[in-house]
Structures are given as structure tokens and as C-alpha cells.
Amino acid sequence: MNLPPLSLYVHVPWCVQKCPYCDFNSHGQKGEIPEAEYVQHLIDDLKADLHLVQGRKIHSIFIGGGTPSLLTGAAYTRLLSEVKSLIGLEDNCEITLEANPGTVETGRFKDYVKAGINRISIGVQSMQNDKLKALGRIHGSDEANYAAEQAKEAGLNSFNLDLMHGLPGQTLDDALGDLKQIIALNPPHISWYQLTIEPNTQFASKPPTLPQDETLWDIQEQGQELLAQAGYLQYEISGYAKPGYQCQHNLNYWRFGDYIGIGCGAHGKVTDANTGIITRTEKVKHPRGYMDLIKPYLFKSWQVEQDDLAFEFFMNRFRLVEPCPINDFNALTQQPLQSQQHALQQAIKTGLLIQTDSHWQVTLKGQRFLNDLLELFV
């Protein structure tokens, strides 16, 4: 079969401190980060996964966390040099690094650019200091503005600002005020999404008071109008970009592409060229266990069951605003479309989906009630 593009996800697990809403695999920094040692483990982890590449070059790289901006430009110079040597990069490969405004030092972004990083994603989350304090963030609005200015000056191809809404005690005016300040910074890309309370977080054990559903609905509608007026096109549920600045790494995820995951707790998804079988992988979560030379980096791997393939495909693909080619379903899942006809007809009948001879298109109603749409394919 023709394999989909292959991306690389790199996980850096350390943070200055754990945020109360965060359910990612992150660990509060205690002492000096073993930077050189960890980078060597990332390289060895990648070497162990080279059989998953199957002749492809890397389409995009995303370095997430944790707080990847706690590591130096020299660390990423070494890592990316090895990636290029071991696998190779596609032309114009997008390489994104997540950054916390509270860890941005003068010149740090320029060091990252020299290392080969061409896109930065900055976790602003709010421009109001009381909201940032409630979220456990280590930065204030001044640091957020500074980080955005540093990104503009660093010579990056693009940068993203992350912003949440539906925060504890947030009003409609608060949320729209945050969004207006982010738009004024003129990033090429904005990730704008609602705070959700995830299990096994501090917020789950001590839930804060969040805005009512009516307020959340108004925030969503009026915020999307502000973004559209400012020239930001929504291309997925929480992604808004100026034309030509969509996140290529996320697009590969949502288009059901492949990706190798290296680093603590990193997940991967790879298709076998001979059988079409899709395998998912998960690496050892804790830094101590991950860097234990006696143990393998791979914690577990499993084949996606045939009964789950359709749901996994649509769960990813229907996040996107763009039409989905019908032929992609069989090409990427190796399943007959006939098995999904009942669910598709229900989606069309209820106004969640439109079907043409060649494409499916999620409607505006389908975007707003995405969970209802996806439940049809369970």
C-alpha cells in the first residue's frame, strides 16, 4: 500500500511546576535537567524505531512537553542533526517547539532557529494575571508579550500562540478581551480552545467554578467572529491560521498520517506497508525508567483492532474543516466503505455531514456537535 506521510513527535517531560489542569506526562523540575543524557536517550530511542520508517523521510517534527524550552539550542542542534542523519527530512519540513513564556530568555529563540527549529508554539493561555495564577502558570502577561515579540524577531517561518477560554471565573468580556490581545500580537497561527477538566489532575480533585454553558456558547460564537474578521481561518476544531500557516504536524495527525514518538510517554502510530496493519506505541513514562539503560524504551505496543479502525479514522479526520476525500477511508484503513454506510446515512440525515461523489464535508452543526457525529461510528 501507499504509506501516509511520517511525522516525528519528541517529548520533553520536565516543567518548572505542574499546572493544575494538565494531564500530560510532565514532571516538576527538581534540580538540573540531565540535558545531554536525555538527548542521547532520545537518539537511541529513535534508532530502535528505525524499522518503522519504511523508506520515508520525516514530514514534520513536533517537540512537546512538559516544557521543551527548558532545554538549550545546543541540545536541539544535536538531536536534529541525528534525525537528519538517521532518516532525513522532507523539503520544507516543519519543526515546531513548544515554549513557556516563563522560560524564554533573551536570544533563546534565535538559538532554536540556528538548531533548525522553524516554528514555535507559545503557551500563553490567558493575558490576565489573575487567570494565569488560577491556572498555575509561572508567567504573567508581560512575559507573554515578550515571548511573542521574541518569536517575531527570531526569524521563524511561523509561530503559534495558545489561548484557553472557559477559565475559572471568566466572563464573556474577559474571554474576548484575551482573544483581542492575542490577535493584536499578529501571530500567523492561534490555537484557541476551551479548558476541560481532565481526570487525575488537581482541578479534577478540587474543581474550580467554570462559566455556565450559555456563556461558553457566546464566547465560542463571538470569538470565532473576531478571529474571522482578523483574517484567521478555522481549519480544525481549535486551530485558526492566516492563509498558508496551518500546522502541518497537526494536519498529518488529523489526516490519519503516521508518526513515530520518542521520549518519555511518547505515543506513535505506524502503518505496515505490507499488511496495512496499524500499530500504536507508547514509551516508558517516567524519566528515571526511560533513562534506565537495562530496560527498553518501548512500554507497550498494540495493533488497532479492525472494529476500531473506522472510529479512529473519523475521530481524527472529522476534526478538520476541509473536505475529506472518500477514497482516503479505504486507502488508510484497508476497510470497505460499505461497513460504514448506515452511520454515514444517519450523519447525513441529521445534518451533521454532507456527502458528494468524491468527498465528505462536516457541516457547521457537525463541528459544534462533533461528539454526536463521532458516536455514530462507535
Protein backbone atom coordinates (compact mmCIF):
# COMPACT_ATOMS: atom_id res chain seq x y z
CA MET A 1 0.00 0.00 0.00
CA ASN A 2 1.00 3.64 -0.36
CA LEU A 3 2.04 4.77 3.10
CA PRO A 4 0.88 8.12 4.53
CA PRO A 5 3.41 10.83 5.48
CA LEU A 6 5.58 10.13 8.54
CA SER A 7 5.98 12.70 11.32
CA LEU A 8 8.12 12.63 14.47
CA TYR A 9 6.93 13.57 17.96
CA VAL A 10 9.57 14.28 20.63
CA HIS A 11 8.53 14.52 24.29
CA VAL A 12 10.44 16.55 26.88
CA PRO A 13 8.88 15.69 30.26
CA TRP A 14 10.11 18.44 32.61
CA CYS A 15 8.27 21.58 33.72
CA VAL A 16 9.14 24.24 36.27
CA GLN A 17 5.95 23.18 38.04
CA LYS A 18 2.88 21.08 37.21
CA CYS A 19 -0.23 23.07 36.24
CA PRO A 20 -3.47 22.01 38.00
CA TYR A 21 -5.36 21.43 34.71
CA CYS A 22 -2.58 19.46 32.98
CA ASP A 23 -2.99 15.74 32.27
CA PHE A 24 0.07 15.46 30.03
CA ASN A 25 3.08 13.38 31.05
CA SER A 26 5.00 16.16 32.79
CA HIS A 27 7.19 16.25 35.88
CA GLY A 28 8.14 19.23 38.03
CA GLN A 29 11.80 20.13 37.66
CA LYS A 30 13.94 19.10 40.62
CA GLY A 31 17.50 20.26 40.24
CA GLU A 32 19.35 20.44 36.97
CA ILE A 33 17.83 18.72 33.93
CA PRO A 34 20.10 15.93 32.59
CA GLU A 35 20.00 17.51 29.15
CA ALA A 36 22.89 15.75 27.40
CA GLU A 37 21.94 12.37 28.85
CA TYR A 38 18.30 12.75 27.82
CA VAL A 39 19.16 13.81 24.26
CA GLN A 40 21.34 10.70 23.91
CA HIS A 41 18.41 8.57 25.06
CA LEU A 42 16.14 10.27 22.50
CA ILE A 43 18.64 9.43 19.78
CA ASP A 44 18.92 5.80 20.93
CA ASP A 45 15.12 5.60 21.16
CA LEU A 46 14.86 6.80 17.55
CA LYS A 47 17.46 4.27 16.42
CA ALA A 48 15.34 1.50 17.96
CA ASP A 49 12.36 2.68 15.87
CA LEU A 50 14.11 2.99 12.52
CA HIS A 51 12.34 -0.13 11.22
CA LEU A 52 9.08 1.88 11.38
CA VAL A 53 10.31 4.44 8.85
CA GLN A 54 9.91 2.13 5.82
CA GLY A 55 11.76 4.30 3.35
CA ARG A 56 10.10 7.60 4.19
CA LYS A 57 11.60 10.93 5.20
CA ILE A 58 10.25 12.95 8.11
CA HIS A 59 7.32 15.15 7.08
CA SER A 60 7.17 17.25 10.28
CA ILE A 61 8.58 17.30 13.81
CA PHE A 62 6.83 18.47 16.97
CA ILE A 63 8.76 18.83 20.24
CA GLY A 64 6.23 18.91 23.07
CA GLY A 65 6.10 18.51 26.80
CA GLY A 66 6.39 19.38 29.53
CA THR A 67 8.35 22.48 28.69
CA PRO A 68 10.78 21.86 25.81
CA SER A 69 12.07 25.44 26.10
CA LEU A 70 13.88 24.37 29.28
CA LEU A 71 16.46 22.71 27.01
CA THR A 72 19.11 24.72 25.18
CA GLY A 73 19.55 25.32 21.48
CA ALA A 74 22.66 23.12 21.60
CA ALA A 75 20.55 20.16 22.72
CA TYR A 76 18.25 20.52 19.73
CA THR A 77 21.17 21.08 17.35
CA ARG A 78 22.49 17.67 18.36
CA LEU A 79 19.10 15.95 18.23
CA LEU A 80 18.02 17.34 14.86
CA SER A 81 21.41 16.61 13.34
CA GLU A 82 20.95 12.95 14.27
CA VAL A 83 17.39 12.88 12.88
CA LYS A 84 18.64 14.22 9.56
CA SER A 85 21.48 11.71 9.52
CA LEU A 86 19.42 8.68 10.50
CA ILE A 87 16.25 9.33 8.47
CA GLY A 88 16.32 12.61 6.57
CA LEU A 89 13.77 15.40 6.29
CA GLU A 90 11.33 16.26 3.55
CA ASP A 91 11.85 19.62 1.84
CA ASN A 92 10.37 22.45 3.94
CA CYS A 93 9.92 20.11 6.91
CA GLU A 94 8.02 21.94 9.66
CA ILE A 95 9.85 21.68 13.02
CA THR A 96 7.86 23.02 15.97
CA LEU A 97 8.97 23.52 19.57
CA GLU A 98 6.62 24.31 22.46
CA ALA A 99 7.70 27.14 24.75
CA ASN A 100 6.50 28.51 28.06
CA PRO A 101 6.68 32.34 28.26
CA GLY A 102 8.11 31.98 31.76
CA THR A 103 11.21 30.19 30.43
CA VAL A 104 12.02 32.45 27.48
CA GLU A 105 15.39 34.14 27.87
CA THR A 106 16.81 36.78 25.55
CA GLY A 107 18.20 35.14 22.45
CA ARG A 108 16.85 31.66 23.27
CA PHE A 109 14.54 31.57 20.22
CA LYS A 110 17.40 32.59 17.92
CA ASP A 111 19.40 29.64 19.28
CA TYR A 112 16.50 27.36 18.40
CA VAL A 113 16.35 28.75 14.86
CA LYS A 114 20.08 28.06 14.45
CA ALA A 115 19.39 24.49 15.58
CA GLY A 116 16.88 24.06 12.74
CA ILE A 117 13.58 24.80 14.50
CA ASN A 118 11.35 26.92 12.25
CA ARG A 119 8.13 27.18 14.27
CA ILE A 120 7.49 27.99 17.95
CA SER A 121 4.27 27.31 19.86
CA ILE A 122 3.95 29.57 22.91
CA GLY A 123 1.62 28.54 25.75
CA VAL A 124 0.08 31.88 26.71
CA GLN A 125 -3.31 30.50 27.92
CA SER A 126 -4.52 33.91 29.18
CA MET A 127 -3.47 37.56 29.15
CA GLN A 128 -4.95 38.25 32.60
CA ASN A 129 -2.64 37.75 35.54
CA ASP A 130 -5.36 36.59 37.95
CA LYS A 131 -6.45 33.90 35.48
CA LEU A 132 -2.84 32.82 34.91
CA LYS A 133 -2.39 32.48 38.68
CA ALA A 134 -5.54 30.35 38.90
CA LEU A 135 -4.15 28.13 36.13
CA GLY A 136 -0.85 27.68 37.98
CA ARG A 137 1.17 29.33 35.22
CA ILE A 138 4.62 30.70 36.06
CA HIS A 139 4.36 33.69 33.72
CA GLY A 140 2.38 36.92 33.56
CA SER A 141 1.02 38.93 30.64
CA ASP A 142 4.27 40.88 30.31
CA GLU A 143 6.24 37.66 29.76
CA ALA A 144 3.65 36.53 27.20
CA ASN A 145 4.04 39.75 25.23
CA TYR A 146 7.81 39.47 25.46
CA ALA A 147 7.80 35.88 24.18
CA ALA A 148 5.64 36.86 21.21
CA GLU A 149 7.99 39.72 20.33
CA GLN A 150 10.99 37.40 20.63
CA ALA A 151 9.30 34.97 18.23
CA LYS A 152 8.76 37.76 15.70
CA GLU A 153 12.43 38.79 15.89
CA ALA A 154 13.90 35.27 15.73
CA GLY A 155 13.43 34.75 12.01
CA LEU A 156 10.95 31.86 12.33
CA ASN A 157 8.78 30.75 9.43
CA SER A 158 5.80 30.78 11.78
CA PHE A 159 4.75 30.86 15.41
CA ASN A 160 1.62 29.94 17.33
CA LEU A 161 0.03 31.40 20.45
CA ASP A 162 -2.00 29.02 22.62
CA LEU A 163 -5.03 30.57 24.35
CA MET A 164 -7.70 28.94 26.50
CA HIS A 165 -11.21 30.10 27.28
CA GLY A 166 -13.83 28.93 29.75
CA LEU A 167 -11.41 29.66 32.59
CA PRO A 168 -12.35 29.79 36.31
CA GLY A 169 -14.38 32.93 36.94
CA GLN A 170 -14.08 34.09 33.33
CA THR A 171 -16.76 36.34 31.83
CA LEU A 172 -17.60 36.85 28.18
CA ASP A 173 -15.76 40.18 28.21
CA ASP A 174 -12.72 38.55 29.85
CA ALA A 175 -12.50 35.86 27.19
CA LEU A 176 -12.99 38.23 24.25
CA GLY A 177 -10.50 40.68 25.79
CA ASP A 178 -7.90 37.90 25.94
CA LEU A 179 -8.56 36.99 22.32
CA LYS A 180 -8.32 40.60 21.14
CA GLN A 181 -4.92 40.98 22.82
CA ILE A 182 -3.67 37.77 21.16
CA ILE A 183 -4.93 38.92 17.76
CA ALA A 184 -3.17 42.26 18.28
CA LEU A 185 0.15 40.39 18.56
CA ASN A 186 -0.48 39.17 14.99
CA PRO A 187 0.76 35.57 15.22
CA PRO A 188 0.42 33.55 12.00
CA HIS A 189 -1.39 30.81 13.98
CA ILE A 190 -3.67 30.78 17.03
CA SER A 191 -4.76 27.69 18.98
CA TRP A 192 -7.93 28.68 20.84
CA TYR A 193 -9.69 26.06 22.89
CA GLN A 194 -11.89 25.55 25.92
CA LEU A 195 -10.50 24.47 29.27
CA THR A 196 -11.72 20.99 30.15
CA ILE A 197 -11.36 19.25 33.50
CA GLU A 198 -9.39 16.05 32.93
CA PRO A 199 -9.21 13.05 35.30
CA ASN A 200 -6.17 12.72 37.57
CA THR A 201 -5.48 16.46 37.69
CA GLN A 202 -5.60 18.90 40.60
CA PHE A 203 -8.66 20.54 39.05
CA ALA A 204 -10.41 17.14 38.97
CA SER A 205 -9.94 16.67 42.72
CA LYS A 206 -10.81 20.30 43.53
CA PRO A 207 -12.95 21.55 40.63
CA PRO A 208 -12.97 25.33 40.11
CA THR A 209 -16.13 27.24 39.22
CA LEU A 210 -16.28 27.46 35.43
CA PRO A 211 -18.54 29.63 33.24
CA GLN A 212 -22.09 28.46 32.50
CA ASP A 213 -22.87 26.74 29.19
CA GLU A 214 -24.65 29.84 27.88
CA THR A 215 -21.55 31.95 28.47
CA LEU A 216 -19.33 29.32 26.85
CA TRP A 217 -21.59 29.28 23.79
CA ASP A 218 -21.43 33.08 23.50
CA ILE A 219 -17.63 33.02 23.89
CA GLN A 220 -17.32 30.46 21.10
CA GLU A 221 -19.60 32.25 18.66
CA GLN A 222 -18.33 35.78 19.22
CA GLY A 223 -14.70 34.64 19.42
CA GLN A 224 -14.92 32.87 16.08
CA GLU A 225 -16.34 36.06 14.55
CA LEU A 226 -13.38 38.07 15.92
CA LEU A 227 -10.90 35.58 14.50
CA ALA A 228 -12.56 35.51 11.09
CA GLN A 229 -12.65 39.33 10.92
CA ALA A 230 -8.91 39.38 11.71
CA GLY A 231 -8.16 37.01 8.82
CA TYR A 232 -7.73 33.78 10.78
CA LEU A 233 -9.28 30.79 9.00
CA GLN A 234 -10.51 27.93 11.16
CA TYR A 235 -9.09 24.70 9.75
CA GLU A 236 -9.73 22.37 12.68
CA ILE A 237 -11.69 22.37 15.94
CA SER A 238 -9.22 24.58 17.83
CA GLY A 239 -6.85 25.71 15.06
CA TYR A 240 -7.01 29.13 13.37
CA ALA A 241 -4.38 30.35 10.93
CA LYS A 242 -3.57 33.02 8.42
CA PRO A 243 -3.62 31.53 4.88
CA GLY A 244 -0.69 29.17 4.40
CA TYR A 245 0.20 28.90 8.10
CA GLN A 246 -1.75 25.81 9.20
CA CYS A 247 0.23 23.50 11.47
CA GLN A 248 1.46 20.75 9.14
CA HIS A 249 2.21 18.39 12.01
CA ASN A 250 -1.33 18.56 13.36
CA LEU A 251 -2.73 18.22 9.86
CA ASN A 252 -0.84 14.95 9.48
CA TYR A 253 -2.36 13.71 12.76
CA TRP A 254 -5.90 14.60 11.73
CA ARG A 255 -5.46 13.23 8.19
CA PHE A 256 -4.63 9.88 9.80
CA GLY A 257 -0.96 10.04 8.89
CA ASP A 258 1.80 8.10 10.65
CA TYR A 259 4.11 9.32 13.39
CA ILE A 260 6.95 7.95 15.49
CA GLY A 261 7.00 9.04 19.13
CA ILE A 262 10.25 9.25 21.11
CA GLY A 263 10.80 10.41 24.68
CA CYS A 264 9.05 9.78 27.99
CA GLY A 265 5.49 8.56 27.44
CA ALA A 266 5.50 9.48 23.74
CA HIS A 267 2.88 7.81 21.57
CA GLY A 268 3.28 6.67 17.97
CA LYS A 269 1.11 5.34 15.14
CA VAL A 270 2.61 3.48 12.20
CA THR A 271 1.12 1.59 9.24
CA ASP A 272 2.80 -1.57 7.93
CA ALA A 273 3.44 -1.27 4.20
CA ASN A 274 2.93 -4.98 3.54
CA THR A 275 -0.15 -5.78 5.63
CA GLY A 276 -1.81 -2.38 6.18
CA ILE A 277 -1.95 -3.19 9.91
CA ILE A 278 -1.80 -0.07 12.10
CA THR A 279 0.27 -0.34 15.28
CA ARG A 280 0.26 2.14 18.14
CA THR A 281 3.20 2.51 20.52
CA GLU A 282 3.81 4.05 23.93
CA LYS A 283 7.17 4.70 25.53
CA VAL A 284 8.11 4.43 29.23
CA LYS A 285 6.59 7.42 31.04
CA HIS A 286 8.85 8.34 33.95
CA PRO A 287 12.26 9.90 33.20
CA ARG A 288 14.06 7.54 35.60
CA GLY A 289 12.54 4.47 33.98
CA TYR A 290 13.03 5.85 30.48
CA MET A 291 16.72 6.51 31.09
CA ASP A 292 17.33 3.12 32.71
CA LEU A 293 19.84 1.50 30.35
CA ILE A 294 18.73 -2.01 31.33
CA LYS A 295 15.13 -1.54 30.18
CA PRO A 296 13.79 -0.90 26.66
CA TYR A 297 12.24 2.47 25.81
CA LEU A 298 9.07 0.83 24.50
CA PHE A 299 6.49 0.37 27.23
CA LYS A 300 3.84 -1.28 25.06
CA SER A 301 2.58 -1.60 21.51
CA TRP A 302 -0.71 -2.85 20.14
CA GLN A 303 -2.46 -3.35 16.84
CA VAL A 304 -5.57 -1.27 16.21
CA GLU A 305 -8.48 -3.70 16.07
CA GLN A 306 -10.41 -3.89 12.82
CA ASP A 307 -13.61 -2.89 14.64
CA ASP A 308 -11.93 0.29 15.90
CA LEU A 309 -10.34 1.48 12.65
CA ALA A 310 -13.36 3.33 11.28
CA PHE A 311 -13.92 5.24 14.52
CA GLU A 312 -10.25 6.16 14.79
CA PHE A 313 -10.19 7.39 11.19
CA PHE A 314 -13.32 9.53 11.52
CA MET A 315 -12.37 10.76 15.02
CA ASN A 316 -9.25 12.30 13.52
CA ARG A 317 -10.45 13.27 10.05
CA PHE A 318 -13.68 14.95 11.08
CA ARG A 319 -11.82 17.41 13.34
CA LEU A 320 -10.82 19.19 10.15
CA VAL A 321 -12.88 21.82 8.37
CA GLU A 322 -11.54 20.78 4.96
CA PRO A 323 -13.47 18.16 2.94
CA CYS A 324 -12.36 14.55 3.40
CA PRO A 325 -11.76 12.52 0.22
CA ILE A 326 -13.96 9.42 0.41
CA ASN A 327 -11.16 7.32 -1.10
CA ASP A 328 -8.96 8.09 1.92
CA PHE A 329 -11.08 5.79 4.09
CA ASN A 330 -10.17 2.58 2.27
CA ALA A 331 -6.64 3.74 1.43
CA LEU A 332 -5.73 4.43 5.06
CA THR A 333 -7.78 1.77 6.88
CA GLN A 334 -7.92 -1.05 4.30
CA GLN A 335 -11.60 -1.42 5.18
CA PRO A 336 -14.61 -1.47 2.83
CA LEU A 337 -16.73 1.66 2.95
CA GLN A 338 -19.88 -0.45 2.87
CA SER A 339 -19.40 -1.28 6.55
CA GLN A 340 -19.98 2.40 7.45
CA GLN A 341 -22.95 3.20 5.22
CA HIS A 342 -25.55 3.13 8.00
CA ALA A 343 -23.58 5.51 10.22
CA LEU A 344 -22.85 7.81 7.27
CA GLN A 345 -26.51 7.95 6.26
CA GLN A 346 -27.50 8.82 9.84
CA ALA A 347 -24.91 11.60 9.90
CA ILE A 348 -26.24 12.99 6.63
CA LYS A 349 -29.87 12.66 7.71
CA THR A 350 -29.27 14.59 10.95
CA GLY A 351 -27.42 17.39 9.17
CA LEU A 352 -24.00 16.65 10.65
CA LEU A 353 -22.40 15.66 7.36
CA ILE A 354 -22.69 16.34 3.63
CA GLN A 355 -21.57 13.79 1.02
CA THR A 356 -20.69 14.41 -2.62
CA ASP A 357 -19.46 11.92 -5.21
CA SER A 358 -15.88 12.37 -4.01
CA HIS A 359 -15.85 13.96 -0.53
CA TRP A 360 -17.43 14.19 2.91
CA GLN A 361 -17.84 17.62 4.48
CA VAL A 362 -18.60 18.15 8.17
CA THR A 363 -21.31 20.82 8.45
CA LEU A 364 -21.24 23.73 10.90
CA LYS A 365 -23.71 21.76 13.01
CA GLY A 366 -21.37 18.76 12.83
CA GLN A 367 -18.46 20.89 14.03
CA ARG A 368 -20.47 22.13 17.00
CA PHE A 369 -21.76 18.66 17.87
CA LEU A 370 -18.69 16.66 16.91
CA ASN A 371 -19.13 14.12 19.71
CA ASP A 372 -22.64 13.32 18.45
CA LEU A 373 -21.22 12.81 14.95
CA LEU A 374 -18.43 10.52 16.14
CA GLU A 375 -20.71 8.42 18.34
CA LEU A 376 -22.42 7.19 15.17
CA PHE A 377 -19.22 5.32 14.24
CA VAL A 378 -18.57 3.62 17.60
